[in-house]
Structures are given as C-alpha cells and as structure tokens.
Amino acid sequence: MTATTPSAPLPLPRWAARLGYAGALPFVALAAATWLAPTAYRGHAASALLAYGATIASFMGAIHWGLAMRGALTPQPGPFVWGVFPSLVAWVALLLPAAQGLVTLALLLGMCLAVDRRSYPAYGLSPWLPMRLHLTLAAAVSLLVGSLAV
C-alpha cells in the first residue's frame, strides 16, 4: 500500500461534532463537582476528573497512531512515537497528587492541540481543528478549575 495525502479536507460530520462536544460534559460536570459537591465527595470528583482527563489524553495520542497506520503519510516513526506520548504522560499524571496531575493533564492537552494543529492538515483534517480548539479549552479550563479545588 502506498501512502497518500488526501486531496481535499475531510468535513467534520455533524454526528462527530455532537459526540465530541458531548465528551466535554464530564469535564465541566466533574470540575463543578470538585467545588459544589458535598465535601465528602469532592475528592472523588477530583479523582474522576483526573481519570477522565487521562483517558481523553490517551485517546488524543491514539488518533495519531491510527492515522499513521492507515498510511495517510509516508510511514515515519514520529506519529507512532507521538501516539504513545500522551498515554505515558497521562499515566504519570495519575500517579501525582491530584492538583499536580490535573495541571499536568491540562498542559498535556494543550500540547496535543499544538501537535494536531501541525499534523491534521497533512491528514486532510483541518475542518476538525475548530472543534479541537473548543474542546481543548473546555477540558483544560475544567482541569485547572478542578486543580484549584483540591
């Protein structure tokens, strides 16, 4: 199979946008819970926020692994290396105290967006970038809000 670059950007399907934006709801709800839940549950909310953030960060890296496997670009190790990096950093974030882990994940999601802004155009995925920006902002702000509560 030869590697090819898509000739035209692939549009963002409406159902994908809905799923993407729905994925921001746990970030917002859990961040709010770290401040507003009964005191006995706030630590659980922070732990859940940390776990959800780590899961999403791992997912963001896995997208690159999957795109590289499709051969959309000349096979290079870079997308595969980047594909595992968010998972490794997210795992470390889970081992840190909650506040530091949440800040680490917020920074990691910012890094993921920066990489996506450079790489998505090569995959023909530029139309996905506005949603990626919105979701990254919602997630990072939620993680930072949660970090201030613990």
C-alpha atoms as a PDB file:
ATOM      1  CA  MET A   1       0.000   0.000   0.000  1.00  0.00           C
ATOM      2  CA  THR A   2       1.393   3.378  -0.913  1.00  0.00           C
ATOM      3  CA  ALA A   3       0.982   6.337   1.361  1.00  0.00           C
ATOM      4  CA  THR A   4      -1.134   9.165   0.067  1.00  0.00           C
ATOM      5  CA  THR A   5      -2.250  12.514   1.341  1.00  0.00           C
ATOM      6  CA  PRO A   6      -5.957  13.304   0.970  1.00  0.00           C
ATOM      7  CA  SER A   7      -6.563  15.737  -1.900  1.00  0.00           C
ATOM      8  CA  ALA A   8      -9.353  17.657  -0.174  1.00  0.00           C
ATOM      9  CA  PRO A   9     -10.023  18.263   3.524  1.00  0.00           C
ATOM     10  CA  LEU A  10     -12.496  15.849   5.064  1.00  0.00           C
ATOM     11  CA  PRO A  11     -15.517  17.691   6.502  1.00  0.00           C
ATOM     12  CA  LEU A  12     -16.447  17.336  10.155  1.00  0.00           C
ATOM     13  CA  PRO A  13     -19.600  15.184  10.243  1.00  0.00           C
ATOM     14  CA  ARG A  14     -22.382  16.619  12.394  1.00  0.00           C
ATOM     15  CA  TRP A  15     -22.652  13.410  14.438  1.00  0.00           C
ATOM     16  CA  ALA A  16     -18.906  13.532  15.185  1.00  0.00           C
ATOM     17  CA  ALA A  17     -19.216  17.126  16.385  1.00  0.00           C
ATOM     18  CA  ARG A  18     -22.102  16.149  18.654  1.00  0.00           C
ATOM     19  CA  LEU A  19     -20.125  13.275  20.130  1.00  0.00           C
ATOM     20  CA  GLY A  20     -17.076  15.467  20.554  1.00  0.00           C
ATOM     21  CA  TYR A  21     -18.915  18.241  22.346  1.00  0.00           C
ATOM     22  CA  ALA A  22     -20.789  15.713  24.491  1.00  0.00           C
ATOM     23  CA  GLY A  23     -17.370  14.486  25.595  1.00  0.00           C
ATOM     24  CA  ALA A  24     -16.768  17.880  27.205  1.00  0.00           C
ATOM     25  CA  LEU A  25     -19.721  17.438  29.563  1.00  0.00           C
ATOM     26  CA  PRO A  26     -17.906  15.149  32.032  1.00  0.00           C
ATOM     27  CA  PHE A  27     -15.039  17.663  32.232  1.00  0.00           C
ATOM     28  CA  VAL A  28     -17.394  20.522  33.082  1.00  0.00           C
ATOM     29  CA  ALA A  29     -19.601  18.497  35.444  1.00  0.00           C
ATOM     30  CA  LEU A  30     -16.678  16.997  37.347  1.00  0.00           C
ATOM     31  CA  ALA A  31     -14.895  20.337  37.644  1.00  0.00           C
ATOM     32  CA  ALA A  32     -18.083  21.829  39.068  1.00  0.00           C
ATOM     33  CA  ALA A  33     -18.414  18.885  41.439  1.00  0.00           C
ATOM     34  CA  THR A  34     -14.926  19.490  42.840  1.00  0.00           C
ATOM     35  CA  TRP A  35     -16.284  22.800  44.146  1.00  0.00           C
ATOM     36  CA  LEU A  36     -20.006  22.210  44.631  1.00  0.00           C
ATOM     37  CA  ALA A  37     -20.468  18.589  45.701  1.00  0.00           C
ATOM     38  CA  PRO A  38     -20.814  17.788  49.385  1.00  0.00           C
ATOM     39  CA  THR A  39     -17.367  17.965  50.957  1.00  0.00           C
ATOM     40  CA  ALA A  40     -17.177  14.185  51.370  1.00  0.00           C
ATOM     41  CA  TYR A  41     -17.469  13.710  47.578  1.00  0.00           C
ATOM     42  CA  ARG A  42     -15.195  16.447  46.268  1.00  0.00           C
ATOM     43  CA  GLY A  43     -12.085  14.256  46.390  1.00  0.00           C
ATOM     44  CA  HIS A  44     -13.922  11.586  44.412  1.00  0.00           C
ATOM     45  CA  ALA A  45     -14.913  14.189  41.838  1.00  0.00           C
ATOM     46  CA  ALA A  46     -11.280  15.292  41.511  1.00  0.00           C
ATOM     47  CA  SER A  47     -10.162  11.674  41.096  1.00  0.00           C
ATOM     48  CA  ALA A  48     -12.833  11.090  38.459  1.00  0.00           C
ATOM     49  CA  LEU A  49     -11.807  14.286  36.649  1.00  0.00           C
ATOM     50  CA  LEU A  50      -8.180  13.163  36.708  1.00  0.00           C
ATOM     51  CA  ALA A  51      -9.089   9.711  35.364  1.00  0.00           C
ATOM     52  CA  TYR A  52     -11.315  11.131  32.630  1.00  0.00           C
ATOM     53  CA  GLY A  53      -8.636  13.616  31.601  1.00  0.00           C
ATOM     54  CA  ALA A  54      -6.053  10.828  31.399  1.00  0.00           C
ATOM     55  CA  THR A  55      -8.409   8.740  29.290  1.00  0.00           C
ATOM     56  CA  ILE A  56      -9.045  11.588  26.852  1.00  0.00           C
ATOM     57  CA  ALA A  57      -5.339  12.456  26.631  1.00  0.00           C
ATOM     58  CA  SER A  58      -4.601   8.822  25.756  1.00  0.00           C
ATOM     59  CA  PHE A  59      -7.327   8.943  23.122  1.00  0.00           C
ATOM     60  CA  MET A  60      -5.803  12.067  21.579  1.00  0.00           C
ATOM     61  CA  GLY A  61      -2.494  10.274  21.118  1.00  0.00           C
ATOM     62  CA  ALA A  62      -4.151   7.151  19.783  1.00  0.00           C
ATOM     63  CA  ILE A  63      -5.711   9.154  16.962  1.00  0.00           C
ATOM     64  CA  HIS A  64      -2.217   9.746  15.564  1.00  0.00           C
ATOM     65  CA  TRP A  65      -1.311   6.085  15.836  1.00  0.00           C
ATOM     66  CA  GLY A  66      -4.461   5.157  13.917  1.00  0.00           C
ATOM     67  CA  LEU A  67      -3.929   7.771  11.223  1.00  0.00           C
ATOM     68  CA  ALA A  68      -0.329   6.679  10.743  1.00  0.00           C
ATOM     69  CA  MET A  69      -1.408   3.045  10.482  1.00  0.00           C
ATOM     70  CA  ARG A  70      -3.717   3.972   7.616  1.00  0.00           C
ATOM     71  CA  GLY A  71      -0.682   5.074   5.665  1.00  0.00           C
ATOM     72  CA  ALA A  72      -2.070   8.558   5.076  1.00  0.00           C
ATOM     73  CA  LEU A  73       1.504   9.819   5.185  1.00  0.00           C
ATOM     74  CA  THR A  74       4.804   8.226   4.320  1.00  0.00           C
ATOM     75  CA  PRO A  75       5.408   5.816   7.197  1.00  0.00           C
ATOM     76  CA  GLN A  76       7.607   7.609   9.698  1.00  0.00           C
ATOM     77  CA  PRO A  77       8.189   6.835  13.368  1.00  0.00           C
ATOM     78  CA  GLY A  78       7.147  10.337  14.509  1.00  0.00           C
ATOM     79  CA  PRO A  79       3.357   9.825  14.535  1.00  0.00           C
ATOM     80  CA  PHE A  80       3.766   6.475  16.290  1.00  0.00           C
ATOM     81  CA  VAL A  81       6.104   7.944  18.919  1.00  0.00           C
ATOM     82  CA  TRP A  82       3.774  10.875  19.482  1.00  0.00           C
ATOM     83  CA  GLY A  83       0.835   8.456  19.603  1.00  0.00           C
ATOM     84  CA  VAL A  84       2.114   6.854  22.811  1.00  0.00           C
ATOM     85  CA  PHE A  85       3.496  10.014  24.443  1.00  0.00           C
ATOM     86  CA  PRO A  86       0.150  11.331  25.783  1.00  0.00           C
ATOM     87  CA  SER A  87      -0.651   7.939  27.315  1.00  0.00           C
ATOM     88  CA  LEU A  88       2.667   7.851  29.144  1.00  0.00           C
ATOM     89  CA  VAL A  89       2.339  11.411  30.447  1.00  0.00           C
ATOM     90  CA  ALA A  90      -1.293  10.752  31.441  1.00  0.00           C
ATOM     91  CA  TRP A  91      -0.192   7.682  33.388  1.00  0.00           C
ATOM     92  CA  VAL A  92       2.394   9.744  35.254  1.00  0.00           C
ATOM     93  CA  ALA A  93      -0.298  12.380  35.943  1.00  0.00           C
ATOM     94  CA  LEU A  94      -2.404   9.682  37.599  1.00  0.00           C
ATOM     95  CA  LEU A  95       0.481   8.944  39.982  1.00  0.00           C
ATOM     96  CA  LEU A  96       0.887  12.587  41.046  1.00  0.00           C
ATOM     97  CA  PRO A  97      -1.087  14.329  43.778  1.00  0.00           C
ATOM     98  CA  ALA A  98      -4.456  15.327  42.303  1.00  0.00           C
ATOM     99  CA  ALA A  99      -3.751  19.048  41.885  1.00  0.00           C
ATOM    100  CA  GLN A 100      -0.452  18.456  40.090  1.00  0.00           C
ATOM    101  CA  GLY A 101      -1.931  15.656  37.986  1.00  0.00           C
ATOM    102  CA  LEU A 102      -4.802  17.869  36.846  1.00  0.00           C
ATOM    103  CA  VAL A 103      -2.426  20.686  35.868  1.00  0.00           C
ATOM    104  CA  THR A 104      -0.194  18.185  34.052  1.00  0.00           C
ATOM    105  CA  LEU A 105      -3.161  16.951  32.036  1.00  0.00           C
ATOM    106  CA  ALA A 106      -4.256  20.490  31.167  1.00  0.00           C
ATOM    107  CA  LEU A 107      -0.768  21.199  29.818  1.00  0.00           C
ATOM    108  CA  LEU A 108      -0.688  17.857  28.005  1.00  0.00           C
ATOM    109  CA  LEU A 109      -3.990  18.556  26.262  1.00  0.00           C
ATOM    110  CA  GLY A 110      -2.557  21.892  25.140  1.00  0.00           C
ATOM    111  CA  MET A 111       0.434  20.045  23.704  1.00  0.00           C
ATOM    112  CA  CYS A 112      -1.910  17.621  21.947  1.00  0.00           C
ATOM    113  CA  LEU A 113      -3.720  20.537  20.328  1.00  0.00           C
ATOM    114  CA  ALA A 114      -0.427  22.084  19.205  1.00  0.00           C
ATOM    115  CA  VAL A 115       0.610  18.811  17.568  1.00  0.00           C
ATOM    116  CA  ASP A 116      -2.823  18.400  15.973  1.00  0.00           C
ATOM    117  CA  ARG A 117      -2.703  21.921  14.533  1.00  0.00           C
ATOM    118  CA  ARG A 118       0.513  20.964  12.758  1.00  0.00           C
ATOM    119  CA  SER A 119      -0.433  17.447  11.705  1.00  0.00           C
ATOM    120  CA  TYR A 120      -4.177  17.471  10.957  1.00  0.00           C
ATOM    121  CA  PRO A 121      -3.769  19.496   7.723  1.00  0.00           C
ATOM    122  CA  ALA A 122      -1.452  16.790   6.342  1.00  0.00           C
ATOM    123  CA  TYR A 123      -4.185  14.229   7.023  1.00  0.00           C
ATOM    124  CA  GLY A 124      -6.862  16.390   5.402  1.00  0.00           C
ATOM    125  CA  LEU A 125      -8.469  17.061   8.789  1.00  0.00           C
ATOM    126  CA  SER A 126      -8.242  20.863   9.000  1.00  0.00           C
ATOM    127  CA  PRO A 127     -12.036  21.213   9.364  1.00  0.00           C
ATOM    128  CA  TRP A 128     -11.765  19.353  12.688  1.00  0.00           C
ATOM    129  CA  LEU A 129      -9.415  21.928  14.231  1.00  0.00           C
ATOM    130  CA  PRO A 130     -12.023  24.474  15.415  1.00  0.00           C
ATOM    131  CA  MET A 131     -13.783  21.736  17.396  1.00  0.00           C
ATOM    132  CA  ARG A 132     -10.413  20.546  18.748  1.00  0.00           C
ATOM    133  CA  LEU A 133      -9.691  24.079  19.963  1.00  0.00           C
ATOM    134  CA  HIS A 134     -13.087  24.412  21.675  1.00  0.00           C
ATOM    135  CA  LEU A 135     -12.836  21.009  23.325  1.00  0.00           C
ATOM    136  CA  THR A 136      -9.258  21.561  24.457  1.00  0.00           C
ATOM    137  CA  LEU A 137     -10.195  24.881  26.022  1.00  0.00           C
ATOM    138  CA  ALA A 138     -13.187  23.351  27.816  1.00  0.00           C
ATOM    139  CA  ALA A 139     -11.129  20.406  29.053  1.00  0.00           C
ATOM    140  CA  ALA A 140      -8.070  22.406  30.093  1.00  0.00           C
ATOM    141  CA  VAL A 141     -10.094  25.048  31.926  1.00  0.00           C
ATOM    142  CA  SER A 142     -12.069  22.312  33.682  1.00  0.00           C
ATOM    143  CA  LEU A 143      -8.883  20.529  34.722  1.00  0.00           C
ATOM    144  CA  LEU A 144      -7.401  23.773  36.031  1.00  0.00           C
ATOM    145  CA  VAL A 145     -10.601  24.663  37.898  1.00  0.00           C
ATOM    146  CA  GLY A 146     -10.552  21.206  39.463  1.00  0.00           C
ATOM    147  CA  SER A 147      -6.885  21.595  40.417  1.00  0.00           C
ATOM    148  CA  LEU A 148      -7.722  24.743  42.373  1.00  0.00           C
ATOM    149  CA  ALA A 149     -10.363  22.914  44.394  1.00  0.00           C
ATOM    150  CA  VAL A 150      -8.107  20.153  45.750  1.00  0.00           C
END
